[in-house]
Amino acid sequence: LTGHLVLSTLHTNSTAGAVTRLLDMGIEPFLLASA
């Protein structure tokens, strides 16, 4: 959100699963959707 391109990995089974995984980690939905 502060102007960097970030590349990373997650252990989830699908693309949509990555979204719910980050939400489960406590990331606010509006931050997730923006980043």
All heavy atoms as atom14 arrays in JSON, in Angstrom:
{
  "sequence": "LTGHLVLSTLHTNSTAGAVTRLLDMGIEPFLLASA",
  "atom14_mask": [
    [1, 1, 1, 1, 1, 1, 1, 1, 0, 0, 0, 0, 0, 0],
    [1, 1, 1, 1, 1, 1, 1, 0, 0, 0, 0, 0, 0, 0],
    [1, 1, 1, 1, 0, 0, 0, 0, 0, 0, 0, 0, 0, 0],
    [1, 1, 1, 1, 1, 1, 1, 1, 1, 1, 0, 0, 0, 0],
    [1, 1, 1, 1, 1, 1, 1, 1, 0, 0, 0, 0, 0, 0],
    [1, 1, 1, 1, 1, 1, 1, 0, 0, 0, 0, 0, 0, 0],
    [1, 1, 1, 1, 1, 1, 1, 1, 0, 0, 0, 0, 0, 0],
    [1, 1, 1, 1, 1, 1, 0, 0, 0, 0, 0, 0, 0, 0],
    [1, 1, 1, 1, 1, 1, 1, 0, 0, 0, 0, 0, 0, 0],
    [1, 1, 1, 1, 1, 1, 1, 1, 0, 0, 0, 0, 0, 0],
    [1, 1, 1, 1, 1, 1, 1, 1, 1, 1, 0, 0, 0, 0],
    [1, 1, 1, 1, 1, 1, 1, 0, 0, 0, 0, 0, 0, 0],
    [1, 1, 1, 1, 1, 1, 1, 1, 0, 0, 0, 0, 0, 0],
    [1, 1, 1, 1, 1, 1, 0, 0, 0, 0, 0, 0, 0, 0],
    [1, 1, 1, 1, 1, 1, 1, 0, 0, 0, 0, 0, 0, 0],
    [1, 1, 1, 1, 1, 0, 0, 0, 0, 0, 0, 0, 0, 0],
    [1, 1, 1, 1, 0, 0, 0, 0, 0, 0, 0, 0, 0, 0],
    [1, 1, 1, 1, 1, 0, 0, 0, 0, 0, 0, 0, 0, 0],
    [1, 1, 1, 1, 1, 1, 1, 0, 0, 0, 0, 0, 0, 0],
    [1, 1, 1, 1, 1, 1, 1, 0, 0, 0, 0, 0, 0, 0],
    [1, 1, 1, 1, 1, 1, 1, 1, 1, 1, 1, 0, 0, 0],
    [1, 1, 1, 1, 1, 1, 1, 1, 0, 0, 0, 0, 0, 0],
    [1, 1, 1, 1, 1, 1, 1, 1, 0, 0, 0, 0, 0, 0],
    [1, 1, 1, 1, 1, 1, 1, 1, 0, 0, 0, 0, 0, 0],
    [1, 1, 1, 1, 1, 1, 1, 1, 0, 0, 0, 0, 0, 0],
    [1, 1, 1, 1, 0, 0, 0, 0, 0, 0, 0, 0, 0, 0],
    [1, 1, 1, 1, 1, 1, 1, 1, 0, 0, 0, 0, 0, 0],
    [1, 1, 1, 1, 1, 1, 1, 1, 1, 0, 0, 0, 0, 0],
    [1, 1, 1, 1, 1, 1, 1, 0, 0, 0, 0, 0, 0, 0],
    [1, 1, 1, 1, 1, 1, 1, 1, 1, 1, 1, 0, 0, 0],
    [1, 1, 1, 1, 1, 1, 1, 1, 0, 0, 0, 0, 0, 0],
    [1, 1, 1, 1, 1, 1, 1, 1, 0, 0, 0, 0, 0, 0],
    [1, 1, 1, 1, 1, 0, 0, 0, 0, 0, 0, 0, 0, 0],
    [1, 1, 1, 1, 1, 1, 0, 0, 0, 0, 0, 0, 0, 0],
    [1, 1, 1, 1, 1, 0, 0, 0, 0, 0, 0, 0, 0, 0]
  ],
  "atom14_positions": [
    [[0.81, -1.22, 0.0], [0.0, 0.0, 0.0], [0.84, 1.27, 0.0], [0.32, 2.35, -0.28], [-0.92, 0.0, 1.23], [-2.05, -1.04, 1.22], [-2.78, -1.05, 2.56], [-3.01, -0.78, 0.07], [0.0, 0.0, 0.0], [0.0, 0.0, 0.0], [0.0, 0.0, 0.0], [0.0, 0.0, 0.0], [0.0, 0.0, 0.0], [0.0, 0.0, 0.0]],
    [[2.14, 1.14, 0.31], [3.01, 2.31, 0.34], [3.9, 2.39, -0.9], [4.96, 3.02, -0.87], [3.88, 2.34, 1.61], [4.56, 1.08, 1.74], [3.02, 2.56, 2.83], [0.0, 0.0, 0.0], [0.0, 0.0, 0.0], [0.0, 0.0, 0.0], [0.0, 0.0, 0.0], [0.0, 0.0, 0.0], [0.0, 0.0, 0.0], [0.0, 0.0, 0.0]],
    [[3.48, 1.72, -1.98], [4.15, 1.94, -3.26], [5.14, 0.9, -3.69], [5.96, 1.16, -4.58], [0.0, 0.0, 0.0], [0.0, 0.0, 0.0], [0.0, 0.0, 0.0], [0.0, 0.0, 0.0], [0.0, 0.0, 0.0], [0.0, 0.0, 0.0], [0.0, 0.0, 0.0], [0.0, 0.0, 0.0], [0.0, 0.0, 0.0], [0.0, 0.0, 0.0]],
    [[5.12, -0.3, -3.09], [6.04, -1.36, -3.49], [5.28, -2.49, -4.18], [4.12, -2.75, -3.86], [6.77, -1.93, -2.27], [7.48, -0.9, -1.45], [6.93, -0.34, -0.32], [8.69, -0.32, -1.61], [7.78, 0.55, 0.2], [8.85, 0.57, -0.57], [0.0, 0.0, 0.0], [0.0, 0.0, 0.0], [0.0, 0.0, 0.0], [0.0, 0.0, 0.0]],
    [[5.96, -3.16, -5.1], [5.43, -4.4, -5.66], [5.94, -5.54, -4.8], [7.15, -5.7, -4.62], [5.88, -4.59, -7.11], [5.48, -5.92, -7.77], [3.96, -6.06, -7.84], [6.09, -6.05, -9.16], [0.0, 0.0, 0.0], [0.0, 0.0, 0.0], [0.0, 0.0, 0.0], [0.0, 0.0, 0.0], [0.0, 0.0, 0.0], [0.0, 0.0, 0.0]],
    [[5.02, -6.33, -4.24], [5.39, -7.44, -3.36], [4.97, -8.76, -4.01], [3.82, -8.91, -4.42], [4.71, -7.3, -1.98], [5.09, -8.47, -1.07], [5.09, -5.97, -1.33], [0.0, 0.0, 0.0], [0.0, 0.0, 0.0], [0.0, 0.0, 0.0], [0.0, 0.0, 0.0], [0.0, 0.0, 0.0], [0.0, 0.0, 0.0], [0.0, 0.0, 0.0]],
    [[5.9, -9.68, -4.1], [5.63, -11.02, -4.61], [5.81, -12.0, -3.47], [6.79, -11.93, -2.73], [6.59, -11.38, -5.74], [6.7, -10.41, -6.92], [7.82, -10.85, -7.86], [5.39, -10.31, -7.67], [0.0, 0.0, 0.0], [0.0, 0.0, 0.0], [0.0, 0.0, 0.0], [0.0, 0.0, 0.0], [0.0, 0.0, 0.0], [0.0, 0.0, 0.0]],
    [[4.87, -12.94, -3.32], [5.0, -13.9, -2.22], [4.19, -15.15, -2.52], [3.52, -15.25, -3.55], [4.56, -13.28, -0.89], [4.95, -14.12, 0.19], [0.0, 0.0, 0.0], [0.0, 0.0, 0.0], [0.0, 0.0, 0.0], [0.0, 0.0, 0.0], [0.0, 0.0, 0.0], [0.0, 0.0, 0.0], [0.0, 0.0, 0.0], [0.0, 0.0, 0.0]],
    [[4.27, -16.12, -1.58], [3.54, -17.37, -1.72], [2.7, -17.64, -0.48], [2.98, -17.13, 0.61], [4.49, -18.57, -1.93], [5.2, -18.85, -0.71], [5.48, -18.31, -3.05], [0.0, 0.0, 0.0], [0.0, 0.0, 0.0], [0.0, 0.0, 0.0], [0.0, 0.0, 0.0], [0.0, 0.0, 0.0], [0.0, 0.0, 0.0], [0.0, 0.0, 0.0]],
    [[1.66, -18.45, -0.68], [0.8, -18.92, 0.4], [0.51, -20.4, 0.18], [0.49, -20.86, -0.96], [-0.53, -18.17, 0.41], [-0.67, -16.86, 1.19], [-2.06, -16.29, 0.95], [-0.44, -17.06, 2.67], [0.0, 0.0, 0.0], [0.0, 0.0, 0.0], [0.0, 0.0, 0.0], [0.0, 0.0, 0.0], [0.0, 0.0, 0.0], [0.0, 0.0, 0.0]],
    [[0.25, -21.12, 1.26], [-0.16, -22.52, 1.14], [-1.68, -22.59, 1.15], [-2.3, -22.75, 2.2], [0.43, -23.36, 2.27], [1.88, -23.66, 2.11], [2.34, -24.63, 1.25], [2.98, -23.11, 2.67], [3.66, -24.67, 1.3], [4.07, -23.75, 2.15], [0.0, 0.0, 0.0], [0.0, 0.0, 0.0], [0.0, 0.0, 0.0], [0.0, 0.0, 0.0]],
    [[-2.29, -22.44, -0.01], [-3.73, -22.64, -0.16], [-3.96, -23.46, -1.41], [-3.08, -23.56, -2.27], [-4.5, -21.31, -0.26], [-4.11, -20.62, -1.45], [-4.25, -20.43, 0.95], [0.0, 0.0, 0.0], [0.0, 0.0, 0.0], [0.0, 0.0, 0.0], [0.0, 0.0, 0.0], [0.0, 0.0, 0.0], [0.0, 0.0, 0.0], [0.0, 0.0, 0.0]],
    [[-5.15, -24.04, -1.53], [-5.42, -24.94, -2.65], [-5.91, -24.25, -3.9], [-5.87, -24.83, -4.99], [-6.46, -25.99, -2.23], [-5.9, -26.97, -1.22], [-4.72, -27.33, -1.27], [-6.73, -27.4, -0.28], [0.0, 0.0, 0.0], [0.0, 0.0, 0.0], [0.0, 0.0, 0.0], [0.0, 0.0, 0.0], [0.0, 0.0, 0.0], [0.0, 0.0, 0.0]],
    [[-6.39, -23.02, -3.76], [-6.96, -22.32, -4.92], [-6.67, -20.84, -4.82], [-6.23, -20.34, -3.78], [-8.47, -22.55, -4.99], [-9.12, -21.94, -3.88], [0.0, 0.0, 0.0], [0.0, 0.0, 0.0], [0.0, 0.0, 0.0], [0.0, 0.0, 0.0], [0.0, 0.0, 0.0], [0.0, 0.0, 0.0], [0.0, 0.0, 0.0], [0.0, 0.0, 0.0]],
    [[-6.96, -20.12, -5.91], [-6.76, -18.67, -5.91], [-7.71, -17.99, -4.92], [-7.29, -17.15, -4.12], [-6.99, -18.11, -7.32], [-8.22, -18.62, -7.85], [-5.86, -18.49, -8.26], [0.0, 0.0, 0.0], [0.0, 0.0, 0.0], [0.0, 0.0, 0.0], [0.0, 0.0, 0.0], [0.0, 0.0, 0.0], [0.0, 0.0, 0.0], [0.0, 0.0, 0.0]],
    [[-8.98, -18.38, -4.95], [-9.94, -17.78, -4.02], [-9.61, -18.13, -2.57], [-9.87, -17.34, -1.65], [-11.36, -18.25, -4.36], [0.0, 0.0, 0.0], [0.0, 0.0, 0.0], [0.0, 0.0, 0.0], [0.0, 0.0, 0.0], [0.0, 0.0, 0.0], [0.0, 0.0, 0.0], [0.0, 0.0, 0.0], [0.0, 0.0, 0.0], [0.0, 0.0, 0.0]],
    [[-9.0, -19.3, -2.36], [-8.6, -19.7, -1.01], [-7.57, -18.78, -0.41], [-7.48, -18.64, 0.82], [0.0, 0.0, 0.0], [0.0, 0.0, 0.0], [0.0, 0.0, 0.0], [0.0, 0.0, 0.0], [0.0, 0.0, 0.0], [0.0, 0.0, 0.0], [0.0, 0.0, 0.0], [0.0, 0.0, 0.0], [0.0, 0.0, 0.0], [0.0, 0.0, 0.0]],
    [[-6.75, -18.13, -1.26], [-5.75, -17.19, -0.75], [-6.42, -15.98, -0.11], [-5.93, -15.43, 0.89], [-4.83, -16.74, -1.89], [0.0, 0.0, 0.0], [0.0, 0.0, 0.0], [0.0, 0.0, 0.0], [0.0, 0.0, 0.0], [0.0, 0.0, 0.0], [0.0, 0.0, 0.0], [0.0, 0.0, 0.0], [0.0, 0.0, 0.0], [0.0, 0.0, 0.0]],
    [[-7.54, -15.57, -0.67], [-8.28, -14.43, -0.12], [-8.78, -14.76, 1.28], [-8.57, -14.0, 2.24], [-9.45, -14.05, -1.04], [-10.33, -12.98, -0.38], [-8.93, -13.56, -2.39], [0.0, 0.0, 0.0], [0.0, 0.0, 0.0], [0.0, 0.0, 0.0], [0.0, 0.0, 0.0], [0.0, 0.0, 0.0], [0.0, 0.0, 0.0], [0.0, 0.0, 0.0]],
    [[-9.44, -15.9, 1.43], [-9.97, -16.26, 2.75], [-8.86, -16.55, 3.75], [-9.01, -16.29, 4.94], [-10.91, -17.48, 2.64], [-10.22, -18.56, 2.0], [-12.14, -17.14, 1.81], [0.0, 0.0, 0.0], [0.0, 0.0, 0.0], [0.0, 0.0, 0.0], [0.0, 0.0, 0.0], [0.0, 0.0, 0.0], [0.0, 0.0, 0.0], [0.0, 0.0, 0.0]],
    [[-7.72, -17.05, 3.27], [-6.58, -17.31, 4.17], [-6.07, -16.01, 4.77], [-5.8, -15.93, 5.97], [-5.47, -18.01, 3.4], [-4.18, -18.22, 4.19], [-4.28, -19.41, 5.1], [-3.03, -19.66, 5.77], [-2.82, -19.55, 7.07], [-3.81, -19.19, 7.87], [-1.66, -19.81, 7.61], [0.0, 0.0, 0.0], [0.0, 0.0, 0.0], [0.0, 0.0, 0.0]],
    [[-5.94, -14.98, 3.96], [-5.46, -13.69, 4.46], [-6.49, -13.06, 5.41], [-6.12, -12.43, 6.4], [-5.15, -12.75, 3.3], [-3.9, -13.11, 2.49], [-3.79, -12.23, 1.25], [-2.63, -12.97, 3.34], [0.0, 0.0, 0.0], [0.0, 0.0, 0.0], [0.0, 0.0, 0.0], [0.0, 0.0, 0.0], [0.0, 0.0, 0.0], [0.0, 0.0, 0.0]],
    [[-7.76, -13.22, 5.1], [-8.79, -12.73, 6.01], [-8.71, -13.44, 7.35], [-8.86, -12.83, 8.42], [-10.17, -12.91, 5.39], [-10.49, -12.04, 4.16], [-11.83, -12.44, 3.55], [-10.51, -10.55, 4.54], [0.0, 0.0, 0.0], [0.0, 0.0, 0.0], [0.0, 0.0, 0.0], [0.0, 0.0, 0.0], [0.0, 0.0, 0.0], [0.0, 0.0, 0.0]],
    [[-8.46, -14.76, 7.31], [-8.31, -15.54, 8.55], [-7.1, -15.08, 9.35], [-7.06, -15.26, 10.58], [-8.18, -17.03, 8.23], [-9.48, -17.64, 7.72], [-10.54, -17.02, 7.92], [-9.42, -18.72, 7.11], [0.0, 0.0, 0.0], [0.0, 0.0, 0.0], [0.0, 0.0, 0.0], [0.0, 0.0, 0.0], [0.0, 0.0, 0.0], [0.0, 0.0, 0.0]],
    [[-6.09, -14.52, 8.68], [-4.9, -14.02, 9.38], [-5.15, -12.66, 10.03], [-4.26, -12.1, 10.67], [-3.73, -13.89, 8.4], [-3.1, -15.21, 8.0], [-1.66, -14.93, 6.92], [-1.01, -16.61, 6.78], [0.0, 0.0, 0.0], [0.0, 0.0, 0.0], [0.0, 0.0, 0.0], [0.0, 0.0, 0.0], [0.0, 0.0, 0.0], [0.0, 0.0, 0.0]],
    [[-6.35, -12.12, 9.83], [-6.68, -10.85, 10.46], [-6.52, -9.63, 9.58], [-6.62, -8.5, 10.07], [0.0, 0.0, 0.0], [0.0, 0.0, 0.0], [0.0, 0.0, 0.0], [0.0, 0.0, 0.0], [0.0, 0.0, 0.0], [0.0, 0.0, 0.0], [0.0, 0.0, 0.0], [0.0, 0.0, 0.0], [0.0, 0.0, 0.0], [0.0, 0.0, 0.0]],
    [[-6.25, -9.83, 8.29], [-6.15, -8.69, 7.38], [-7.55, -8.13, 7.14], [-8.48, -8.86, 6.8], [-5.52, -9.1, 6.03], [-4.14, -9.75, 6.25], [-5.4, -7.9, 5.1], [-3.12, -8.86, 6.9], [0.0, 0.0, 0.0], [0.0, 0.0, 0.0], [0.0, 0.0, 0.0], [0.0, 0.0, 0.0], [0.0, 0.0, 0.0], [0.0, 0.0, 0.0]],
    [[-7.69, -6.82, 7.31], [-9.0, -6.19, 7.09], [-9.39, -6.29, 5.62], [-8.55, -6.1, 4.74], [-8.96, -4.72, 7.52], [-8.77, -4.49, 9.0], [-9.99, -4.95, 9.8], [-11.09, -5.03, 9.21], [-9.84, -5.21, 11.0], [0.0, 0.0, 0.0], [0.0, 0.0, 0.0], [0.0, 0.0, 0.0], [0.0, 0.0, 0.0], [0.0, 0.0, 0.0]],
    [[-10.66, -6.58, 5.34], [-11.1, -6.73, 3.95], [-10.76, -5.54, 3.05], [-10.35, -5.72, 1.9], [-12.61, -6.92, 4.08], [-12.81, -7.5, 5.43], [-11.75, -6.87, 6.29], [0.0, 0.0, 0.0], [0.0, 0.0, 0.0], [0.0, 0.0, 0.0], [0.0, 0.0, 0.0], [0.0, 0.0, 0.0], [0.0, 0.0, 0.0], [0.0, 0.0, 0.0]],
    [[-10.89, -4.3, 3.58], [-10.63, -3.14, 2.74], [-9.14, -3.02, 2.4], [-8.77, -2.57, 1.32], [-11.16, -1.86, 3.4], [-10.38, -1.38, 4.59], [-9.35, -0.46, 4.46], [-10.67, -1.87, 5.86], [-8.64, -0.02, 5.56], [-9.96, -1.44, 6.97], [-8.94, -0.51, 6.82], [0.0, 0.0, 0.0], [0.0, 0.0, 0.0], [0.0, 0.0, 0.0]],
    [[-8.27, -3.43, 3.34], [-6.83, -3.44, 3.06], [-6.48, -4.52, 2.05], [-5.69, -4.29, 1.12], [-6.04, -3.66, 4.35], [-6.09, -2.55, 5.4], [-5.33, -2.98, 6.65], [-5.52, -1.25, 4.84], [0.0, 0.0, 0.0], [0.0, 0.0, 0.0], [0.0, 0.0, 0.0], [0.0, 0.0, 0.0], [0.0, 0.0, 0.0], [0.0, 0.0, 0.0]],
    [[-7.07, -5.69, 2.21], [-6.83, -6.8, 1.3], [-7.27, -6.43, -0.11], [-6.53, -6.64, -1.09], [-7.58, -8.04, 1.79], [-7.51, -9.31, 0.95], [-6.08, -9.76, 0.81], [-8.35, -10.4, 1.59], [0.0, 0.0, 0.0], [0.0, 0.0, 0.0], [0.0, 0.0, 0.0], [0.0, 0.0, 0.0], [0.0, 0.0, 0.0], [0.0, 0.0, 0.0]],
    [[-8.47, -5.88, -0.24], [-9.0, -5.52, -1.55], [-8.15, -4.45, -2.23], [-8.0, -4.44, -3.45], [-10.45, -5.05, -1.42], [0.0, 0.0, 0.0], [0.0, 0.0, 0.0], [0.0, 0.0, 0.0], [0.0, 0.0, 0.0], [0.0, 0.0, 0.0], [0.0, 0.0, 0.0], [0.0, 0.0, 0.0], [0.0, 0.0, 0.0], [0.0, 0.0, 0.0]],
    [[-7.56, -3.56, -1.43], [-6.75, -2.48, -1.99], [-5.35, -2.93, -2.38], [-4.76, -2.4, -3.32], [-6.63, -1.34, -0.96], [-7.9, -0.81, -0.64], [0.0, 0.0, 0.0], [0.0, 0.0, 0.0], [0.0, 0.0, 0.0], [0.0, 0.0, 0.0], [0.0, 0.0, 0.0], [0.0, 0.0, 0.0], [0.0, 0.0, 0.0], [0.0, 0.0, 0.0]],
    [[-4.81, -3.92, -1.64], [-3.4, -4.28, -1.82], [-3.17, -5.41, -2.82], [-2.17, -5.4, -3.55], [-2.79, -4.66, -0.47], [0.0, 0.0, 0.0], [0.0, 0.0, 0.0], [0.0, 0.0, 0.0], [0.0, 0.0, 0.0], [0.0, 0.0, 0.0], [0.0, 0.0, 0.0], [0.0, 0.0, 0.0], [0.0, 0.0, 0.0], [0.0, 0.0, 0.0]]
  ]
}
